[in-house]
Every structure is written in C-alpha cells, then in structure tokens.
C-alpha atoms as a PDB file:
ATOM      1  CA  MET A   1     -43.830 -37.778 -26.161  1.00  0.00           C
ATOM      2  CA  LYS A   2     -44.292 -34.124 -26.915  1.00  0.00           C
ATOM      3  CA  ILE A   3     -45.844 -33.133 -30.243  1.00  0.00           C
ATOM      4  CA  ASN A   4     -45.723 -29.394 -30.978  1.00  0.00           C
ATOM      5  CA  GLY A   5     -45.449 -28.833 -27.216  1.00  0.00           C
ATOM      6  CA  SER A   6     -48.353 -31.061 -26.169  1.00  0.00           C
ATOM      7  CA  ASP A   7     -48.148 -34.438 -24.425  1.00  0.00           C
ATOM      8  CA  PHE A   8     -49.053 -37.478 -26.507  1.00  0.00           C
ATOM      9  CA  THR A   9     -48.723 -41.219 -25.847  1.00  0.00           C
ATOM     10  CA  VAL A  10     -47.413 -43.383 -28.698  1.00  0.00           C
ATOM     11  CA  VAL A  11     -47.873 -47.098 -29.286  1.00  0.00           C
ATOM     12  CA  SER A  12     -44.710 -49.150 -28.928  1.00  0.00           C
ATOM     13  CA  GLY A  13     -43.113 -49.748 -32.327  1.00  0.00           C
ATOM     14  CA  GLU A  14     -44.936 -46.825 -33.975  1.00  0.00           C
ATOM     15  CA  THR A  15     -43.264 -45.175 -36.945  1.00  0.00           C
ATOM     16  CA  LEU A  16     -43.328 -41.491 -37.743  1.00  0.00           C
ATOM     17  CA  LEU A  17     -45.402 -42.246 -40.857  1.00  0.00           C
ATOM     18  CA  GLY A  18     -47.996 -44.158 -38.845  1.00  0.00           C
ATOM     19  CA  LEU A  19     -48.144 -41.442 -36.197  1.00  0.00           C
ATOM     20  CA  LEU A  20     -48.652 -38.722 -38.772  1.00  0.00           C
ATOM     21  CA  ARG A  21     -51.519 -40.666 -40.335  1.00  0.00           C
ATOM     22  CA  THR A  22     -53.045 -41.325 -36.884  1.00  0.00           C
ATOM     23  CA  LEU A  23     -52.947 -37.596 -36.221  1.00  0.00           C
ATOM     24  CA  GLY A  24     -54.765 -36.945 -39.531  1.00  0.00           C
ATOM     25  CA  HIS A  25     -51.814 -35.464 -41.410  1.00  0.00           C
ATOM     26  CA  LYS A  26     -51.002 -36.121 -45.060  1.00  0.00           C
ATOM     27  CA  PRO A  27     -47.320 -37.104 -44.832  1.00  0.00           C
ATOM     28  CA  GLU A  28     -46.547 -35.533 -48.225  1.00  0.00           C
ATOM     29  CA  ARG A  29     -47.726 -32.168 -46.907  1.00  0.00           C
ATOM     30  CA  VAL A  30     -45.720 -31.896 -43.657  1.00  0.00           C
ATOM     31  CA  ALA A  31     -42.171 -31.412 -42.457  1.00  0.00           C
ATOM     32  CA  ALA A  32     -41.119 -33.179 -39.254  1.00  0.00           C
ATOM     33  CA  GLU A  33     -38.342 -32.486 -36.751  1.00  0.00           C
ATOM     34  CA  LEU A  34     -37.647 -35.303 -34.302  1.00  0.00           C
ATOM     35  CA  ASN A  35     -35.471 -34.486 -31.283  1.00  0.00           C
ATOM     36  CA  GLY A  36     -34.027 -31.442 -33.051  1.00  0.00           C
ATOM     37  CA  ALA A  37     -33.237 -33.087 -36.409  1.00  0.00           C
ATOM     38  CA  VAL A  38     -35.285 -32.769 -39.580  1.00  0.00           C
ATOM     39  CA  VAL A  39     -36.463 -36.183 -40.797  1.00  0.00           C
ATOM     40  CA  PRO A  40     -36.420 -36.583 -44.606  1.00  0.00           C
ATOM     41  CA  ARG A  41     -39.895 -37.491 -45.856  1.00  0.00           C
ATOM     42  CA  GLU A  42     -38.573 -40.718 -47.430  1.00  0.00           C
ATOM     43  CA  LYS A  43     -37.491 -41.850 -43.925  1.00  0.00           C
ATOM     44  CA  PHE A  44     -40.881 -41.338 -42.237  1.00  0.00           C
ATOM     45  CA  GLY A  45     -41.809 -45.026 -42.645  1.00  0.00           C
ATOM     46  CA  GLU A  46     -38.605 -46.331 -41.109  1.00  0.00           C
ATOM     47  CA  THR A  47     -38.239 -43.779 -38.295  1.00  0.00           C
ATOM     48  CA  ALA A  48     -39.445 -45.188 -34.962  1.00  0.00           C
ATOM     49  CA  VAL A  49     -40.908 -42.857 -32.369  1.00  0.00           C
ATOM     50  CA  LYS A  50     -40.991 -43.364 -28.615  1.00  0.00           C
ATOM     51  CA  ASP A  51     -42.520 -41.713 -25.546  1.00  0.00           C
ATOM     52  CA  SER A  52     -39.333 -39.782 -24.721  1.00  0.00           C
ATOM     53  CA  ASP A  53     -39.191 -38.072 -28.140  1.00  0.00           C
ATOM     54  CA  ILE A  54     -39.951 -34.455 -28.977  1.00  0.00           C
ATOM     55  CA  LEU A  55     -41.642 -33.999 -32.359  1.00  0.00           C
ATOM     56  CA  GLU A  56     -42.394 -30.787 -34.186  1.00  0.00           C
ATOM     57  CA  ILE A  57     -44.730 -30.991 -37.167  1.00  0.00           C
ATOM     58  CA  VAL A  58     -45.113 -28.185 -39.698  1.00  0.00           C
ATOM     59  CA  CYS A  59     -47.971 -28.394 -42.187  1.00  0.00           C
ATOM     60  CA  PHE A  60     -47.721 -26.841 -45.628  1.00  0.00           C
ATOM     61  CA  VAL A  61     -50.760 -24.767 -46.572  1.00  0.00           C
ATOM     62  CA  GLY A  62     -51.339 -23.377 -50.052  1.00  0.00           C
ATOM     63  CA  GLY A  63     -53.489 -20.513 -51.020  1.00  0.00           C
ATOM     64  CA  GLY A  64     -53.527 -17.191 -52.689  1.00  0.00           C
END
C-alpha cells in the first residue's frame, strides 16, 4: 500500500486503527483518507486495509 506517498506492506486482515497504532499515531489526533474518501474516526476499527490501498494520514498538531 502507499501511505502518504511511501510504500508500506500491511498484514492481512489489518484494520485502519491497528495500522495507525503500528505506525505510532494516536488515532484521536489524526484524519485519514483511504482511496480518496475520508474515513470517520469512529470507523477506524472496522475499516480493513489492504496492499492495493492508498492512505493519506494528516496529524493534528497544537501549539501557540
């Protein structure tokens, strides 16, 4: 699969939630677009990912 333009191999049956955690992201602090569609945060745990997918992850950063 492609994640933010880079190649990545996913485990069969992986969910978006599991993948985000594997990558070190806090799921409550990211937005995800899978194959051109925004995935609602409440659907991360039930959204399967596969090697042919294209995922864009945007991290929210606070500061002042």
